[in-house]
């Protein structure tokens, strides 16, 4: 089942890479983190944006949530993912897929706790005009 999910998400991100087109609107998600838009298009009021995000060693995405679901693949490094209870909700090495649900009820942070840059390819499925992420305060965790 996990293998089938990985294949399905890999297929979605790969298809987005091939099918989606548009202009770049990159915004750095946090300190030391860079992002670039690979492709973007809007269909029936939904923005589909494929981005490559790079998180240097020791850095994070900052606490945030999204207005729509995300689907991603770890291209390089390891993503350590934490929810608003400060608990790890996943560690994703190179080749792993990740899915994030939408909404303010899913505040989270992605951290690079390794010694090499973390590189993600992420497909955002957002309401037209929504930002890539909504900032959220640290929910009381001893890390940022």
C-alpha atoms as a PDB file:
ATOM      1  CA  UNK A   1       0.000   0.000   0.000  1.00  0.00           C
ATOM      2  CA  UNK A   2       2.795   2.446   0.950  1.00  0.00           C
ATOM      3  CA  UNK A   3       4.573   1.607  -2.313  1.00  0.00           C
ATOM      4  CA  UNK A   4       1.379   2.261  -4.282  1.00  0.00           C
ATOM      5  CA  UNK A   5       0.938   5.645  -2.534  1.00  0.00           C
ATOM      6  CA  UNK A   6       4.541   6.583  -3.360  1.00  0.00           C
ATOM      7  CA  UNK A   7       4.013   5.670  -7.010  1.00  0.00           C
ATOM      8  CA  UNK A   8       0.735   7.629  -7.143  1.00  0.00           C
ATOM      9  CA  UNK A   9       2.203  10.802  -5.603  1.00  0.00           C
ATOM     10  CA  UNK A  10       5.359  10.504  -7.705  1.00  0.00           C
ATOM     11  CA  UNK A  11       3.090  10.264 -10.743  1.00  0.00           C
ATOM     12  CA  UNK A  12       1.110  13.363  -9.730  1.00  0.00           C
ATOM     13  CA  UNK A  13       4.248  15.453  -9.190  1.00  0.00           C
ATOM     14  CA  UNK A  14       5.823  14.136 -12.390  1.00  0.00           C
ATOM     15  CA  UNK A  15       2.651  14.869 -14.367  1.00  0.00           C
ATOM     16  CA  UNK A  16       2.562  18.370 -12.911  1.00  0.00           C
ATOM     17  CA  UNK A  17       6.153  18.917 -14.024  1.00  0.00           C
ATOM     18  CA  UNK A  18       5.220  18.003 -17.579  1.00  0.00           C
ATOM     19  CA  UNK A  19       1.730  19.543 -17.839  1.00  0.00           C
ATOM     20  CA  UNK A  20       1.777  22.724 -15.776  1.00  0.00           C
ATOM     21  CA  UNK A  21       3.137  25.955 -17.228  1.00  0.00           C
ATOM     22  CA  UNK A  22       3.357  29.602 -16.148  1.00  0.00           C
ATOM     23  CA  UNK A  23       5.493  32.331 -14.630  1.00  0.00           C
ATOM     24  CA  UNK A  24       7.787  32.314 -11.613  1.00  0.00           C
ATOM     25  CA  UNK A  25       6.594  33.825  -8.311  1.00  0.00           C
ATOM     26  CA  UNK A  26       9.165  32.468  -5.850  1.00  0.00           C
ATOM     27  CA  UNK A  27       9.061  33.669  -2.236  1.00  0.00           C
ATOM     28  CA  UNK A  28      11.524  32.345   0.372  1.00  0.00           C
ATOM     29  CA  UNK A  29       9.512  30.388   2.975  1.00  0.00           C
ATOM     30  CA  UNK A  30      11.896  31.147   5.889  1.00  0.00           C
ATOM     31  CA  UNK A  31      15.416  32.157   6.954  1.00  0.00           C
ATOM     32  CA  UNK A  32      18.061  30.525   4.778  1.00  0.00           C
ATOM     33  CA  UNK A  33      15.419  28.664   2.781  1.00  0.00           C
ATOM     34  CA  UNK A  34      15.043  29.240  -0.950  1.00  0.00           C
ATOM     35  CA  UNK A  35      12.250  28.293  -3.308  1.00  0.00           C
ATOM     36  CA  UNK A  36      11.680  28.587  -7.005  1.00  0.00           C
ATOM     37  CA  UNK A  37       8.580  28.010  -9.074  1.00  0.00           C
ATOM     38  CA  UNK A  38       9.088  25.377 -11.735  1.00  0.00           C
ATOM     39  CA  UNK A  39       5.599  25.550 -13.241  1.00  0.00           C
ATOM     40  CA  UNK A  40       2.240  27.169 -12.419  1.00  0.00           C
ATOM     41  CA  UNK A  41      -1.239  27.178 -13.909  1.00  0.00           C
ATOM     42  CA  UNK A  42      -4.812  27.880 -12.826  1.00  0.00           C
ATOM     43  CA  UNK A  43      -7.749  25.609 -13.689  1.00  0.00           C
ATOM     44  CA  UNK A  44     -11.328  26.304 -12.552  1.00  0.00           C
ATOM     45  CA  UNK A  45     -10.284  28.562  -9.670  1.00  0.00           C
ATOM     46  CA  UNK A  46      -7.492  26.299  -8.407  1.00  0.00           C
ATOM     47  CA  UNK A  47      -3.793  27.172  -8.668  1.00  0.00           C
ATOM     48  CA  UNK A  48      -1.453  24.239  -9.358  1.00  0.00           C
ATOM     49  CA  UNK A  49       2.127  25.210  -8.623  1.00  0.00           C
ATOM     50  CA  UNK A  50       5.208  23.012  -8.698  1.00  0.00           C
ATOM     51  CA  UNK A  51       8.094  24.410  -6.620  1.00  0.00           C
ATOM     52  CA  UNK A  52      11.581  23.288  -5.704  1.00  0.00           C
ATOM     53  CA  UNK A  53      12.410  24.165  -2.090  1.00  0.00           C
ATOM     54  CA  UNK A  54      15.933  24.028  -0.628  1.00  0.00           C
ATOM     55  CA  UNK A  55      16.483  24.033   3.133  1.00  0.00           C
ATOM     56  CA  UNK A  56      20.122  24.342   4.274  1.00  0.00           C
ATOM     57  CA  UNK A  57      21.419  22.172   7.143  1.00  0.00           C
ATOM     58  CA  UNK A  58      20.092  23.333  10.508  1.00  0.00           C
ATOM     59  CA  UNK A  59      17.309  25.448   8.979  1.00  0.00           C
ATOM     60  CA  UNK A  60      13.529  25.086   8.855  1.00  0.00           C
ATOM     61  CA  UNK A  61      10.476  26.221   6.942  1.00  0.00           C
ATOM     62  CA  UNK A  62       9.107  28.058   9.985  1.00  0.00           C
ATOM     63  CA  UNK A  63       5.695  27.251  11.492  1.00  0.00           C
ATOM     64  CA  UNK A  64       2.921  27.473   8.918  1.00  0.00           C
ATOM     65  CA  UNK A  65      -0.101  25.863   7.291  1.00  0.00           C
ATOM     66  CA  UNK A  66      -1.550  25.784   3.777  1.00  0.00           C
ATOM     67  CA  UNK A  67      -4.946  26.712   2.310  1.00  0.00           C
ATOM     68  CA  UNK A  68      -4.878  23.611   0.096  1.00  0.00           C
ATOM     69  CA  UNK A  69      -3.213  20.188   0.068  1.00  0.00           C
ATOM     70  CA  UNK A  70       0.434  19.635  -0.879  1.00  0.00           C
ATOM     71  CA  UNK A  71       2.153  16.631  -2.450  1.00  0.00           C
ATOM     72  CA  UNK A  72       5.914  16.330  -2.478  1.00  0.00           C
ATOM     73  CA  UNK A  73       9.003  14.243  -3.102  1.00  0.00           C
ATOM     74  CA  UNK A  74      12.284  14.512  -1.184  1.00  0.00           C
ATOM     75  CA  UNK A  75      14.920  14.895  -3.924  1.00  0.00           C
ATOM     76  CA  UNK A  76      17.900  15.183  -1.562  1.00  0.00           C
ATOM     77  CA  UNK A  77      18.557  15.039   2.163  1.00  0.00           C
ATOM     78  CA  UNK A  78      16.083  14.192   4.930  1.00  0.00           C
ATOM     79  CA  UNK A  79      12.955  16.112   5.938  1.00  0.00           C
ATOM     80  CA  UNK A  80      12.074  16.015   9.645  1.00  0.00           C
ATOM     81  CA  UNK A  81       8.416  17.036   9.959  1.00  0.00           C
ATOM     82  CA  UNK A  82       6.709  18.155  13.189  1.00  0.00           C
ATOM     83  CA  UNK A  83       3.098  18.966  14.061  1.00  0.00           C
ATOM     84  CA  UNK A  84       1.733  21.567  16.487  1.00  0.00           C
ATOM     85  CA  UNK A  85       2.071  19.179  19.460  1.00  0.00           C
ATOM     86  CA  UNK A  86       5.867  19.357  18.924  1.00  0.00           C
ATOM     87  CA  UNK A  87       5.838  15.660  18.006  1.00  0.00           C
ATOM     88  CA  UNK A  88       7.525  14.291  14.922  1.00  0.00           C
ATOM     89  CA  UNK A  89       4.891  13.234  12.413  1.00  0.00           C
ATOM     90  CA  UNK A  90       7.434  11.845   9.966  1.00  0.00           C
ATOM     91  CA  UNK A  91      11.048  11.570   8.889  1.00  0.00           C
ATOM     92  CA  UNK A  92      11.391  11.459   5.099  1.00  0.00           C
ATOM     93  CA  UNK A  93      14.727  10.487   3.490  1.00  0.00           C
ATOM     94  CA  UNK A  94      15.620  10.967  -0.173  1.00  0.00           C
ATOM     95  CA  UNK A  95      13.011   9.366  -2.429  1.00  0.00           C
ATOM     96  CA  UNK A  96      10.188   9.643   0.095  1.00  0.00           C
ATOM     97  CA  UNK A  97       6.834  11.187  -0.701  1.00  0.00           C
ATOM     98  CA  UNK A  98       4.945  13.504   1.608  1.00  0.00           C
ATOM     99  CA  UNK A  99       1.387  14.743   1.663  1.00  0.00           C
ATOM    100  CA  UNK A 100       0.160  17.669   3.767  1.00  0.00           C
ATOM    101  CA  UNK A 101      -3.534  18.348   4.358  1.00  0.00           C
ATOM    102  CA  UNK A 102      -5.056  21.823   4.092  1.00  0.00           C
ATOM    103  CA  UNK A 103      -6.161  24.145   6.833  1.00  0.00           C
ATOM    104  CA  UNK A 104      -5.248  26.078   9.958  1.00  0.00           C
ATOM    105  CA  UNK A 105      -5.824  22.889  11.951  1.00  0.00           C
ATOM    106  CA  UNK A 106      -2.615  21.446  10.482  1.00  0.00           C
ATOM    107  CA  UNK A 107       0.112  23.813  11.667  1.00  0.00           C
ATOM    108  CA  UNK A 108       3.512  22.236  11.094  1.00  0.00           C
ATOM    109  CA  UNK A 109       7.206  22.823  10.476  1.00  0.00           C
ATOM    110  CA  UNK A 110       9.742  21.113   8.228  1.00  0.00           C
ATOM    111  CA  UNK A 111      13.292  20.919   9.551  1.00  0.00           C
ATOM    112  CA  UNK A 112      16.608  19.899   8.041  1.00  0.00           C
ATOM    113  CA  UNK A 113      18.444  18.258  10.921  1.00  0.00           C
ATOM    114  CA  UNK A 114      21.039  16.697   8.612  1.00  0.00           C
ATOM    115  CA  UNK A 115      24.376  17.920   7.313  1.00  0.00           C
ATOM    116  CA  UNK A 116      23.408  18.282   3.627  1.00  0.00           C
ATOM    117  CA  UNK A 117      20.860  20.542   1.986  1.00  0.00           C
ATOM    118  CA  UNK A 118      17.292  19.272   1.875  1.00  0.00           C
ATOM    119  CA  UNK A 119      15.693  19.616  -1.565  1.00  0.00           C
ATOM    120  CA  UNK A 120      11.951  19.054  -2.076  1.00  0.00           C
ATOM    121  CA  UNK A 121       9.747  19.115  -5.169  1.00  0.00           C
ATOM    122  CA  UNK A 122       6.295  20.172  -3.993  1.00  0.00           C
ATOM    123  CA  UNK A 123       2.983  20.436  -5.848  1.00  0.00           C
ATOM    124  CA  UNK A 124       0.678  23.022  -4.221  1.00  0.00           C
ATOM    125  CA  UNK A 125      -3.063  22.724  -4.949  1.00  0.00           C
ATOM    126  CA  UNK A 126      -4.460  26.021  -3.673  1.00  0.00           C
ATOM    127  CA  UNK A 127      -7.484  28.268  -4.117  1.00  0.00           C
ATOM    128  CA  UNK A 128      -6.677  30.823  -6.821  1.00  0.00           C
ATOM    129  CA  UNK A 129      -4.551  33.629  -5.401  1.00  0.00           C
ATOM    130  CA  UNK A 130      -3.833  31.954  -2.047  1.00  0.00           C
ATOM    131  CA  UNK A 131      -0.279  32.278  -0.696  1.00  0.00           C
ATOM    132  CA  UNK A 132       1.968  29.217  -0.705  1.00  0.00           C
ATOM    133  CA  UNK A 133       1.760  29.153   3.091  1.00  0.00           C
ATOM    134  CA  UNK A 134       0.223  31.037   5.992  1.00  0.00           C
ATOM    135  CA  UNK A 135       2.600  31.933   8.836  1.00  0.00           C
ATOM    136  CA  UNK A 136       1.695  30.558  12.246  1.00  0.00           C
ATOM    137  CA  UNK A 137       3.206  31.252  15.665  1.00  0.00           C
ATOM    138  CA  UNK A 138       5.374  28.653  17.328  1.00  0.00           C
ATOM    139  CA  UNK A 139       2.827  26.544  19.266  1.00  0.00           C
ATOM    140  CA  UNK A 140       5.183  26.313  22.246  1.00  0.00           C
ATOM    141  CA  UNK A 141       7.812  23.929  20.929  1.00  0.00           C
ATOM    142  CA  UNK A 142      11.437  24.241  22.100  1.00  0.00           C
ATOM    143  CA  UNK A 143      12.583  24.575  18.471  1.00  0.00           C
ATOM    144  CA  UNK A 144      11.872  26.911  15.579  1.00  0.00           C
END
